[in-house]
Every structure is written in C-alpha cells, then in structure tokens.
C-alpha cells in the first residue's frame, strides 16, 4: 500500500504514477524569488493583503505537461534548441517527479497578490533575456 506524503497546503497527498502526458507544476525563477520575498516581507495579520496563519505558503505555479514544454521551447527557441532535448526514461527521476503534486492550493499567496507566470512561453522568454548567450 502506498504511504501518504506530508501535507501540502493542508491537503494530504498520495503518491501516484505519472504518465508522460500528465502535468507538473512549475514556476520561473523570477516568480519564485518574487514570491519568496513578498511572503517574507508580508505583514502578518488577518486584514486584506496580510499573511494569516503559519508558514509555509504555496506559491502559484503553472501546470503543464512535458509535451507543452517541448512545444513551447520549439516555438520560442527554435528547432535547434528543442532538438537538444532527449527523452530518456529514468525510473529514479520518474519516481521523484511522480511524488510531486501537479496542482497546489495557493489561495494564501493569491490573497497577497501573487500570480503564476502567464505561461511557459514567458518563462522561456525571460530565460533568454536573462541569458542572452544561451
């Protein structure tokens, strides 16, 4: 029988197997850093824009499939970049990724005005802007 994982946003999560088309949650480095700083600096309390309750706070994230990621990479960065990706199943990595929830309860972060990245395309474009020699 599968063991329960620790709570994630107050919800008990159960491990599950993922298929390639299943989705994963992710956020850009920019959004992640912004979220961490905003939560760290948030006034504690029960009023609007205040952080109520204990830490941690789940940051907003996109939920995308590997197919979505590769399609976007090809569209934004071109065939040369996308063709560098090799799909090579690795049971150890798959087990780790399968243990991650694809959707988070991020209401507390949303109440502080945090939002997920607008799309995976913006994550790729930000990366290219931050790393022009890539």
Protein backbone atom coordinates (compact mmCIF):
# COMPACT_ATOMS: atom_id res chain seq x y z
CA UNK A 1 0.00 0.00 0.00
CA UNK A 2 1.26 3.49 -0.84
CA UNK A 3 2.29 5.72 2.02
CA UNK A 4 0.78 9.15 2.46
CA UNK A 5 3.06 12.09 1.79
CA UNK A 6 3.28 15.05 4.14
CA UNK A 7 0.63 17.73 3.91
CA UNK A 8 0.81 20.14 1.03
CA UNK A 9 -1.25 23.27 1.63
CA UNK A 10 -3.28 21.48 4.28
CA UNK A 11 -4.22 18.62 1.95
CA UNK A 12 -2.81 15.12 2.39
CA UNK A 13 -1.28 13.92 -0.85
CA UNK A 14 -0.94 10.33 -2.03
CA UNK A 15 1.86 9.24 -4.33
CA UNK A 16 0.80 8.24 -7.80
CA UNK A 17 2.37 7.09 -11.02
CA UNK A 18 2.56 9.69 -13.77
CA UNK A 19 2.31 9.12 -17.47
CA UNK A 20 4.28 11.30 -19.86
CA UNK A 21 1.23 13.36 -20.74
CA UNK A 22 0.46 14.10 -17.12
CA UNK A 23 1.17 17.54 -15.87
CA UNK A 24 3.65 19.04 -13.44
CA UNK A 25 3.60 22.32 -11.53
CA UNK A 26 6.42 24.76 -12.14
CA UNK A 27 7.31 28.41 -11.74
CA UNK A 28 10.00 30.61 -13.21
CA UNK A 29 12.99 31.65 -11.13
CA UNK A 30 11.72 35.25 -11.33
CA UNK A 31 8.26 34.35 -10.00
CA UNK A 32 9.69 32.09 -7.32
CA UNK A 33 12.11 34.71 -6.00
CA UNK A 34 9.44 37.42 -6.14
CA UNK A 35 7.05 35.16 -4.23
CA UNK A 36 9.56 34.24 -1.55
CA UNK A 37 10.45 37.91 -0.99
CA UNK A 38 6.82 39.05 -0.93
CA UNK A 39 5.87 36.37 1.58
CA UNK A 40 8.92 37.11 3.75
CA UNK A 41 8.05 40.82 3.76
CA UNK A 42 4.28 40.40 4.14
CA UNK A 43 2.70 41.93 7.20
CA UNK A 44 1.24 39.24 9.44
CA UNK A 45 -2.40 39.61 10.40
CA UNK A 46 -5.96 38.96 9.29
CA UNK A 47 -6.63 42.04 7.16
CA UNK A 48 -6.56 42.44 3.38
CA UNK A 49 -3.08 41.90 1.97
CA UNK A 50 -1.83 40.43 5.25
CA UNK A 51 -0.48 36.95 5.74
CA UNK A 52 -2.62 34.91 8.08
CA UNK A 53 -1.55 31.60 9.56
CA UNK A 54 1.71 29.72 9.67
CA UNK A 55 4.36 29.32 7.03
CA UNK A 56 4.87 27.71 4.52
CA UNK A 57 2.79 29.28 1.78
CA UNK A 58 2.40 27.51 -1.57
CA UNK A 59 3.46 29.79 -4.40
CA UNK A 60 1.30 29.97 -7.52
CA UNK A 61 2.53 27.74 -10.33
CA UNK A 62 1.73 26.77 -13.90
CA UNK A 63 0.56 23.26 -14.54
CA UNK A 64 2.00 21.99 -17.81
CA UNK A 65 2.93 18.72 -19.50
CA UNK A 66 6.34 17.85 -20.90
CA UNK A 67 4.71 17.97 -24.34
CA UNK A 68 3.58 21.56 -23.63
CA UNK A 69 7.09 22.48 -22.52
CA UNK A 70 8.72 21.00 -25.63
CA UNK A 71 6.19 22.59 -27.99
CA UNK A 72 6.78 26.00 -26.42
CA UNK A 73 10.55 25.56 -26.46
CA UNK A 74 10.43 24.72 -30.18
CA UNK A 75 8.15 27.70 -30.91
CA UNK A 76 10.21 30.24 -28.93
CA UNK A 77 13.79 29.00 -29.14
CA UNK A 78 13.62 27.09 -32.44
CA UNK A 79 14.29 23.58 -33.68
CA UNK A 80 17.99 23.66 -32.81
CA UNK A 81 17.27 24.23 -29.11
CA UNK A 82 14.33 21.82 -28.96
CA UNK A 83 16.29 19.09 -30.76
CA UNK A 84 18.83 19.14 -27.90
CA UNK A 85 16.20 17.59 -25.62
CA UNK A 86 16.37 13.83 -25.34
CA UNK A 87 13.51 11.87 -23.80
CA UNK A 88 15.17 9.13 -21.82
CA UNK A 89 13.08 7.39 -19.16
CA UNK A 90 14.79 7.18 -15.78
CA UNK A 91 12.85 5.30 -13.10
CA UNK A 92 14.56 7.15 -10.23
CA UNK A 93 13.74 10.58 -11.69
CA UNK A 94 10.22 9.49 -12.65
CA UNK A 95 9.60 8.33 -9.07
CA UNK A 96 10.68 11.72 -7.71
CA UNK A 97 8.56 13.71 -10.17
CA UNK A 98 5.57 11.39 -9.66
CA UNK A 99 5.65 12.27 -5.96
CA UNK A 100 5.09 15.98 -6.68
CA UNK A 101 1.54 17.34 -6.78
CA UNK A 102 0.62 18.95 -10.12
CA UNK A 103 -1.77 21.44 -8.53
CA UNK A 104 -1.35 23.38 -5.30
CA UNK A 105 -3.73 25.21 -3.02
CA UNK A 106 -2.23 28.68 -3.37
CA UNK A 107 -5.12 30.80 -2.05
CA UNK A 108 -2.96 32.35 0.65
CA UNK A 109 -0.36 33.51 -1.90
CA UNK A 110 -3.09 34.74 -4.23
CA UNK A 111 -4.53 36.80 -1.35
CA UNK A 112 -1.15 38.56 -1.18
CA UNK A 113 -1.40 39.41 -4.90
CA UNK A 114 0.93 36.71 -6.17
CA UNK A 115 0.07 35.15 -9.52
CA UNK A 116 1.55 32.30 -11.56
CA UNK A 117 3.61 33.03 -14.62
CA UNK A 118 1.29 33.87 -17.54
CA UNK A 119 2.51 30.84 -19.48
CA UNK A 120 5.50 28.65 -20.17
CA UNK A 121 6.38 30.86 -23.13
CA UNK A 122 7.04 33.78 -20.77
CA UNK A 123 9.37 31.58 -18.70
CA UNK A 124 11.41 30.69 -21.79
CA UNK A 125 11.48 34.32 -22.96
CA UNK A 126 12.61 35.51 -19.51
CA UNK A 127 15.36 32.88 -19.52
CA UNK A 128 16.56 34.01 -22.95
CA UNK A 129 16.53 37.66 -21.80
CA UNK A 130 18.48 36.80 -18.64
CA UNK A 131 20.94 34.55 -20.50
CA UNK A 132 21.49 36.17 -23.92
CA UNK A 133 24.33 33.81 -24.85
CA UNK A 134 22.11 30.74 -24.39
